[in-house]
Amino acid sequence: MKTDLLFDRAPYHIRQSIGEAFADQAIDEYINGDKRSEFTYPRLQFKVLQGDPCIIAIGEDAVEAMREIVPDLEELEINGIIYKIVEKEIVDDEVAIGPSKTFINYQFITPWIGLNEENFLQFKYYYKQERTAFINRLVVQNLRFLSQEFGIQAGDRINIKSRIRFLTNQSLTSSPTGGFVGDFKINYNIPDYISIGNMIAKGFGAIKRVEV
């Protein structure tokens, strides 16, 4: 979506606005209702990508719930400010989540919050090579969790090579454990713009396939 005003708000503002505007429709089940707690991995994700508010729906039911509101989605009201939607587009992208026979290159387009408070303390004392190996294991763990959520066999061998840089919690103040940016290649199919890791609801950990 594109808005008439510069969109300088956070992803949770989009979720809030749509939840209030469409409280009586199916999409609210994914925002404030039973569907939000039914799934560990969010089927509806809100992000700000290149300054534009976006909704990512995963799975047939979530996609249908999103489609229902698109004709009536004319504005986002956030803290009393109206952001008129001047352009909107639905992009259908059917990508099978799961193992790939070839390596695919991806990039984090929003910081990946890969650490929790417990392993953050471990990570701080690792040497560079240990950090790289640890990061790679975390990405693979995230993808195994994703596979489990969608009932997909991940297989025994998920291989990864990464160039991922740590952002401290001083430079990324919205996360107490900091985050990561960079790219990686892995033998696993991931749909563009979905997120992995922690704080998905806040728009973190979004991935996009890149050509090298």
C-alpha atoms as a PDB file:
ATOM      1  CA  MET A   1       0.000   0.000   0.000  1.00  0.00           C
ATOM      2  CA  LYS A   2       1.041   3.587  -0.568  1.00  0.00           C
ATOM      3  CA  THR A   3      -0.282   6.484   1.489  1.00  0.00           C
ATOM      4  CA  ASP A   4      -0.669  10.196   0.797  1.00  0.00           C
ATOM      5  CA  LEU A   5       1.458  11.104   3.823  1.00  0.00           C
ATOM      6  CA  LEU A   6       4.937   9.838   4.645  1.00  0.00           C
ATOM      7  CA  PHE A   7       4.276   6.630   6.565  1.00  0.00           C
ATOM      8  CA  ASP A   8       6.587   6.869   9.566  1.00  0.00           C
ATOM      9  CA  ARG A   9       4.688   4.489  11.838  1.00  0.00           C
ATOM     10  CA  ALA A  10       5.466   1.029  13.197  1.00  0.00           C
ATOM     11  CA  PRO A  11       3.929  -2.248  11.999  1.00  0.00           C
ATOM     12  CA  TYR A  12       1.860  -2.635  15.169  1.00  0.00           C
ATOM     13  CA  HIS A  13       0.135   0.664  14.314  1.00  0.00           C
ATOM     14  CA  ILE A  14      -1.107  -0.916  11.062  1.00  0.00           C
ATOM     15  CA  ARG A  15      -2.415  -3.936  12.980  1.00  0.00           C
ATOM     16  CA  GLN A  16      -4.139  -1.695  15.513  1.00  0.00           C
ATOM     17  CA  SER A  17      -5.783   0.485  12.884  1.00  0.00           C
ATOM     18  CA  ILE A  18      -7.103  -2.432  10.828  1.00  0.00           C
ATOM     19  CA  GLY A  19      -8.266  -4.277  13.939  1.00  0.00           C
ATOM     20  CA  GLU A  20     -10.337  -1.271  14.980  1.00  0.00           C
ATOM     21  CA  ALA A  21     -11.704  -0.546  11.505  1.00  0.00           C
ATOM     22  CA  PHE A  22     -12.699  -4.154  10.752  1.00  0.00           C
ATOM     23  CA  ALA A  23     -13.566  -5.441  14.207  1.00  0.00           C
ATOM     24  CA  ASP A  24     -16.654  -7.306  12.919  1.00  0.00           C
ATOM     25  CA  GLN A  25     -14.883  -9.118  10.073  1.00  0.00           C
ATOM     26  CA  ALA A  26     -12.883 -12.336   9.790  1.00  0.00           C
ATOM     27  CA  ILE A  27      -9.530 -10.531   9.741  1.00  0.00           C
ATOM     28  CA  ASP A  28     -10.014  -9.455  13.354  1.00  0.00           C
ATOM     29  CA  GLU A  29      -9.856 -13.120  14.384  1.00  0.00           C
ATOM     30  CA  TYR A  30      -6.177 -12.990  13.367  1.00  0.00           C
ATOM     31  CA  ILE A  31      -5.583  -9.671  15.140  1.00  0.00           C
ATOM     32  CA  ASN A  32      -7.553  -9.845  18.375  1.00  0.00           C
ATOM     33  CA  GLY A  33      -9.476 -13.133  18.246  1.00  0.00           C
ATOM     34  CA  ASP A  34      -9.031 -16.896  18.476  1.00  0.00           C
ATOM     35  CA  LYS A  35      -6.868 -17.223  15.356  1.00  0.00           C
ATOM     36  CA  ARG A  36      -4.180 -15.102  16.986  1.00  0.00           C
ATOM     37  CA  SER A  37      -3.733 -17.589  19.842  1.00  0.00           C
ATOM     38  CA  GLU A  38      -4.470 -20.705  17.776  1.00  0.00           C
ATOM     39  CA  PHE A  39      -1.215 -20.464  15.824  1.00  0.00           C
ATOM     40  CA  THR A  40       2.249 -20.051  17.341  1.00  0.00           C
ATOM     41  CA  TYR A  41       3.500 -18.685  14.020  1.00  0.00           C
ATOM     42  CA  PRO A  42       1.447 -15.605  12.978  1.00  0.00           C
ATOM     43  CA  ARG A  43      -0.587 -16.193   9.810  1.00  0.00           C
ATOM     44  CA  LEU A  44      -1.135 -12.452   9.397  1.00  0.00           C
ATOM     45  CA  GLN A  45       1.935 -10.221   9.544  1.00  0.00           C
ATOM     46  CA  PHE A  46       2.149  -6.442   9.337  1.00  0.00           C
ATOM     47  CA  LYS A  47       5.284  -4.710   8.127  1.00  0.00           C
ATOM     48  CA  VAL A  48       6.644  -1.412   6.859  1.00  0.00           C
ATOM     49  CA  LEU A  49       8.795  -2.148   3.804  1.00  0.00           C
ATOM     50  CA  GLN A  50      10.620   0.688   2.031  1.00  0.00           C
ATOM     51  CA  GLY A  51       8.303   3.142   3.761  1.00  0.00           C
ATOM     52  CA  ASP A  52       5.069   1.411   2.699  1.00  0.00           C
ATOM     53  CA  PRO A  53       2.610  -0.366   5.027  1.00  0.00           C
ATOM     54  CA  CYS A  54       2.158  -4.033   4.062  1.00  0.00           C
ATOM     55  CA  ILE A  55       0.046  -6.999   5.128  1.00  0.00           C
ATOM     56  CA  ILE A  56       1.411 -10.502   4.592  1.00  0.00           C
ATOM     57  CA  ALA A  57      -1.195 -13.281   4.794  1.00  0.00           C
ATOM     58  CA  ILE A  58      -0.099 -16.915   4.953  1.00  0.00           C
ATOM     59  CA  GLY A  59      -2.489 -19.772   4.275  1.00  0.00           C
ATOM     60  CA  GLU A  60      -5.822 -19.853   2.430  1.00  0.00           C
ATOM     61  CA  ASP A  61      -8.001 -18.698   5.343  1.00  0.00           C
ATOM     62  CA  ALA A  62      -5.774 -15.747   6.229  1.00  0.00           C
ATOM     63  CA  VAL A  63      -5.489 -14.728   2.569  1.00  0.00           C
ATOM     64  CA  GLU A  64      -9.283 -14.836   2.190  1.00  0.00           C
ATOM     65  CA  ALA A  65      -9.745 -12.765   5.362  1.00  0.00           C
ATOM     66  CA  MET A  66      -7.354 -10.148   3.982  1.00  0.00           C
ATOM     67  CA  ARG A  67      -9.018 -10.120   0.560  1.00  0.00           C
ATOM     68  CA  GLU A  68     -12.398  -9.388   2.167  1.00  0.00           C
ATOM     69  CA  ILE A  69     -11.271  -6.033   3.550  1.00  0.00           C
ATOM     70  CA  VAL A  70      -9.260  -4.747   0.578  1.00  0.00           C
ATOM     71  CA  PRO A  71     -12.207  -3.071  -1.253  1.00  0.00           C
ATOM     72  CA  ASP A  72     -13.104  -1.110   1.918  1.00  0.00           C
ATOM     73  CA  LEU A  73      -9.567  -0.351   3.057  1.00  0.00           C
ATOM     74  CA  GLU A  74      -9.317   3.349   2.199  1.00  0.00           C
ATOM     75  CA  GLU A  75      -7.284   4.751   5.076  1.00  0.00           C
ATOM     76  CA  LEU A  76      -5.279   3.996   8.207  1.00  0.00           C
ATOM     77  CA  GLU A  77      -6.119   6.072  11.257  1.00  0.00           C
ATOM     78  CA  ILE A  78      -3.254   6.166  13.738  1.00  0.00           C
ATOM     79  CA  ASN A  79      -3.227   8.386  16.819  1.00  0.00           C
ATOM     80  CA  GLY A  80      -5.708  10.777  15.234  1.00  0.00           C
ATOM     81  CA  ILE A  81      -3.781  11.101  11.956  1.00  0.00           C
ATOM     82  CA  ILE A  82      -5.425   9.835   8.752  1.00  0.00           C
ATOM     83  CA  TYR A  83      -3.177   8.168   6.198  1.00  0.00           C
ATOM     84  CA  LYS A  84      -5.170   7.974   2.977  1.00  0.00           C
ATOM     85  CA  ILE A  85      -4.348   4.903   0.904  1.00  0.00           C
ATOM     86  CA  VAL A  86      -3.670   6.081  -2.628  1.00  0.00           C
ATOM     87  CA  GLU A  87      -2.486   2.766  -4.056  1.00  0.00           C
ATOM     88  CA  LYS A  88      -3.074  -0.847  -3.069  1.00  0.00           C
ATOM     89  CA  GLU A  89      -2.198  -4.123  -4.699  1.00  0.00           C
ATOM     90  CA  ILE A  90      -2.707  -7.789  -3.902  1.00  0.00           C
ATOM     91  CA  VAL A  91       0.219  -9.983  -4.881  1.00  0.00           C
ATOM     92  CA  ASP A  92      -0.416 -13.744  -4.878  1.00  0.00           C
ATOM     93  CA  ASP A  93       2.746 -15.757  -4.486  1.00  0.00           C
ATOM     94  CA  GLU A  94       2.397 -19.492  -4.047  1.00  0.00           C
ATOM     95  CA  VAL A  95       5.721 -20.721  -2.715  1.00  0.00           C
ATOM     96  CA  ALA A  96       6.148 -24.130  -1.132  1.00  0.00           C
ATOM     97  CA  ILE A  97       7.836 -23.807   2.249  1.00  0.00           C
ATOM     98  CA  GLY A  98      10.406 -26.528   2.801  1.00  0.00           C
ATOM     99  CA  PRO A  99      13.665 -28.153   1.674  1.00  0.00           C
ATOM    100  CA  SER A 100      15.146 -27.285  -1.707  1.00  0.00           C
ATOM    101  CA  LYS A 101      17.455 -29.336  -3.914  1.00  0.00           C
ATOM    102  CA  THR A 102      19.555 -26.238  -4.563  1.00  0.00           C
ATOM    103  CA  PHE A 103      20.900 -23.379  -2.468  1.00  0.00           C
ATOM    104  CA  ILE A 104      18.844 -20.168  -2.490  1.00  0.00           C
ATOM    105  CA  ASN A 105      20.101 -16.715  -1.478  1.00  0.00           C
ATOM    106  CA  TYR A 106      18.131 -14.621   0.986  1.00  0.00           C
ATOM    107  CA  GLN A 107      18.523 -11.288   2.738  1.00  0.00           C
ATOM    108  CA  PHE A 108      17.026  -9.950   5.965  1.00  0.00           C
ATOM    109  CA  ILE A 109      15.151  -6.817   4.914  1.00  0.00           C
ATOM    110  CA  THR A 110      14.203  -5.999   8.500  1.00  0.00           C
ATOM    111  CA  PRO A 111      16.484  -6.888  11.441  1.00  0.00           C
ATOM    112  CA  TRP A 112      16.244 -10.506  12.574  1.00  0.00           C
ATOM    113  CA  ILE A 113      15.764 -10.891  16.338  1.00  0.00           C
ATOM    114  CA  GLY A 114      17.413 -14.275  16.630  1.00  0.00           C
ATOM    115  CA  LEU A 115      18.421 -14.173  20.290  1.00  0.00           C
ATOM    116  CA  ASN A 116      16.410 -14.395  23.479  1.00  0.00           C
ATOM    117  CA  GLU A 117      17.592 -13.192  26.870  1.00  0.00           C
ATOM    118  CA  GLU A 118      19.109 -16.568  27.729  1.00  0.00           C
ATOM    119  CA  ASN A 119      21.218 -17.203  24.632  1.00  0.00           C
ATOM    120  CA  PHE A 120      22.052 -13.489  24.330  1.00  0.00           C
ATOM    121  CA  LEU A 121      24.305 -13.890  27.375  1.00  0.00           C
ATOM    122  CA  GLN A 122      26.019 -16.884  25.747  1.00  0.00           C
ATOM    123  CA  PHE A 123      26.455 -15.065  22.443  1.00  0.00           C
ATOM    124  CA  LYS A 124      28.220 -12.085  24.012  1.00  0.00           C
ATOM    125  CA  TYR A 125      31.169 -14.241  25.084  1.00  0.00           C
ATOM    126  CA  TYR A 126      31.633 -16.206  21.860  1.00  0.00           C
ATOM    127  CA  TYR A 127      34.556 -15.639  19.501  1.00  0.00           C
ATOM    128  CA  LYS A 128      33.849 -14.679  15.884  1.00  0.00           C
ATOM    129  CA  GLN A 129      33.837 -18.224  14.468  1.00  0.00           C
ATOM    130  CA  GLU A 130      31.707 -19.464  17.352  1.00  0.00           C
ATOM    131  CA  ARG A 131      29.244 -16.634  16.732  1.00  0.00           C
ATOM    132  CA  THR A 132      28.925 -17.523  13.050  1.00  0.00           C
ATOM    133  CA  ALA A 133      28.236 -21.193  13.833  1.00  0.00           C
ATOM    134  CA  PHE A 134      25.750 -20.223  16.536  1.00  0.00           C
ATOM    135  CA  ILE A 135      23.888 -17.816  14.219  1.00  0.00           C
ATOM    136  CA  ASN A 136      23.677 -20.474  11.521  1.00  0.00           C
ATOM    137  CA  ARG A 137      22.197 -22.970  13.992  1.00  0.00           C
ATOM    138  CA  LEU A 138      19.603 -20.414  15.076  1.00  0.00           C
ATOM    139  CA  VAL A 139      18.466 -19.729  11.493  1.00  0.00           C
ATOM    140  CA  VAL A 140      18.115 -23.477  10.886  1.00  0.00           C
ATOM    141  CA  GLN A 141      16.174 -23.865  14.159  1.00  0.00           C
ATOM    142  CA  ASN A 142      13.824 -21.062  13.074  1.00  0.00           C
ATOM    143  CA  LEU A 143      13.174 -22.833   9.771  1.00  0.00           C
ATOM    144  CA  ARG A 144      12.612 -26.195  11.455  1.00  0.00           C
ATOM    145  CA  PHE A 145      10.028 -24.516  13.666  1.00  0.00           C
ATOM    146  CA  LEU A 146       8.385 -23.021  10.561  1.00  0.00           C
ATOM    147  CA  SER A 147       8.271 -26.472   8.966  1.00  0.00           C
ATOM    148  CA  GLN A 148       6.689 -27.944  12.079  1.00  0.00           C
ATOM    149  CA  GLU A 149       4.026 -25.226  12.163  1.00  0.00           C
ATOM    150  CA  PHE A 150       2.942 -26.075   8.616  1.00  0.00           C
ATOM    151  CA  GLY A 151       3.317 -29.843   8.949  1.00  0.00           C
ATOM    152  CA  ILE A 152       6.280 -30.043   6.568  1.00  0.00           C
ATOM    153  CA  GLN A 153       9.104 -32.560   6.755  1.00  0.00           C
ATOM    154  CA  ALA A 154      12.255 -30.439   6.983  1.00  0.00           C
ATOM    155  CA  GLY A 155      14.624 -33.330   6.383  1.00  0.00           C
ATOM    156  CA  ASP A 156      17.861 -34.036   8.187  1.00  0.00           C
ATOM    157  CA  ARG A 157      20.196 -31.815   6.224  1.00  0.00           C
ATOM    158  CA  ILE A 158      19.535 -28.094   6.133  1.00  0.00           C
ATOM    159  CA  ASN A 159      22.831 -26.478   5.136  1.00  0.00           C
ATOM    160  CA  ILE A 160      23.537 -22.788   5.479  1.00  0.00           C
ATOM    161  CA  LYS A 161      26.290 -20.275   4.741  1.00  0.00           C
ATOM    162  CA  SER A 162      25.800 -16.765   6.068  1.00  0.00           C
ATOM    163  CA  ARG A 163      27.153 -13.238   6.167  1.00  0.00           C
ATOM    164  CA  ILE A 164      25.149 -11.897   9.071  1.00  0.00           C
ATOM    165  CA  ARG A 165      26.184  -8.935  11.195  1.00  0.00           C
ATOM    166  CA  PHE A 166      25.123  -8.321  14.791  1.00  0.00           C
ATOM    167  CA  LEU A 167      23.398  -5.073  15.756  1.00  0.00           C
ATOM    168  CA  THR A 168      23.832  -4.302  19.439  1.00  0.00           C
ATOM    169  CA  ASN A 169      20.894  -3.399  21.639  1.00  0.00           C
ATOM    170  CA  GLN A 170      22.335   0.128  21.729  1.00  0.00           C
ATOM    171  CA  SER A 171      21.982   0.549  17.957  1.00  0.00           C
ATOM    172  CA  LEU A 172      18.694  -1.416  17.803  1.00  0.00           C
ATOM    173  CA  THR A 173      16.948   0.016  20.842  1.00  0.00           C
ATOM    174  CA  SER A 174      13.592  -1.683  20.130  1.00  0.00           C
ATOM    175  CA  SER A 175      15.110  -5.090  21.003  1.00  0.00           C
ATOM    176  CA  PRO A 176      16.818  -5.739  24.365  1.00  0.00           C
ATOM    177  CA  THR A 177      18.871  -8.542  22.783  1.00  0.00           C
ATOM    178  CA  GLY A 178      19.864  -6.641  19.628  1.00  0.00           C
ATOM    179  CA  GLY A 179      19.364  -8.123  16.179  1.00  0.00           C
ATOM    180  CA  PHE A 180      21.051  -9.160  12.945  1.00  0.00           C
ATOM    181  CA  VAL A 181      21.221  -7.968   9.359  1.00  0.00           C
ATOM    182  CA  GLY A 182      22.846  -9.541   6.336  1.00  0.00           C
ATOM    183  CA  ASP A 183      22.316 -12.395   3.933  1.00  0.00           C
ATOM    184  CA  PHE A 184      22.553 -16.164   3.810  1.00  0.00           C
ATOM    185  CA  LYS A 185      22.168 -19.033   1.394  1.00  0.00           C
ATOM    186  CA  ILE A 186      20.407 -22.222   2.335  1.00  0.00           C
ATOM    187  CA  ASN A 187      18.799 -25.283   0.747  1.00  0.00           C
ATOM    188  CA  TYR A 188      15.325 -24.284   1.866  1.00  0.00           C
ATOM    189  CA  ASN A 189      12.370 -22.511   0.194  1.00  0.00           C
ATOM    190  CA  ILE A 190      11.093 -19.448   2.068  1.00  0.00           C
ATOM    191  CA  PRO A 191       8.349 -17.165   0.685  1.00  0.00           C
ATOM    192  CA  ASP A 192       9.363 -13.530   0.260  1.00  0.00           C
ATOM    193  CA  TYR A 193       8.552 -11.095   3.078  1.00  0.00           C
ATOM    194  CA  ILE A 194       7.536 -13.597   5.761  1.00  0.00           C
ATOM    195  CA  SER A 195       9.435 -13.325   9.053  1.00  0.00           C
ATOM    196  CA  ILE A 196      11.359 -15.678  11.299  1.00  0.00           C
ATOM    197  CA  GLY A 197      12.734 -15.288  14.810  1.00  0.00           C
ATOM    198  CA  ASN A 198      11.342 -13.250  17.686  1.00  0.00           C
ATOM    199  CA  MET A 199       9.157 -10.119  17.599  1.00  0.00           C
ATOM    200  CA  ILE A 200       7.488 -11.063  14.302  1.00  0.00           C
ATOM    201  CA  ALA A 201       4.407  -9.082  15.361  1.00  0.00           C
ATOM    202  CA  LYS A 202       6.573  -5.950  15.351  1.00  0.00           C
ATOM    203  CA  GLY A 203       7.737  -6.553  11.788  1.00  0.00           C
ATOM    204  CA  PHE A 204      11.198  -7.954  12.510  1.00  0.00           C
ATOM    205  CA  GLY A 205      12.939 -10.819  10.714  1.00  0.00           C
ATOM    206  CA  ALA A 206      11.469 -10.309   7.232  1.00  0.00           C
ATOM    207  CA  ILE A 207      13.265 -12.235   4.466  1.00  0.00           C
ATOM    208  CA  LYS A 208      13.525 -11.725   0.730  1.00  0.00           C
ATOM    209  CA  ARG A 209      15.092 -13.887  -1.963  1.00  0.00           C
ATOM    210  CA  VAL A 210      17.945 -12.135  -3.767  1.00  0.00           C
ATOM    211  CA  GLU A 211      19.867 -12.802  -6.961  1.00  0.00           C
ATOM    212  CA  VAL A 212      23.652 -12.983  -6.647  1.00  0.00           C
END
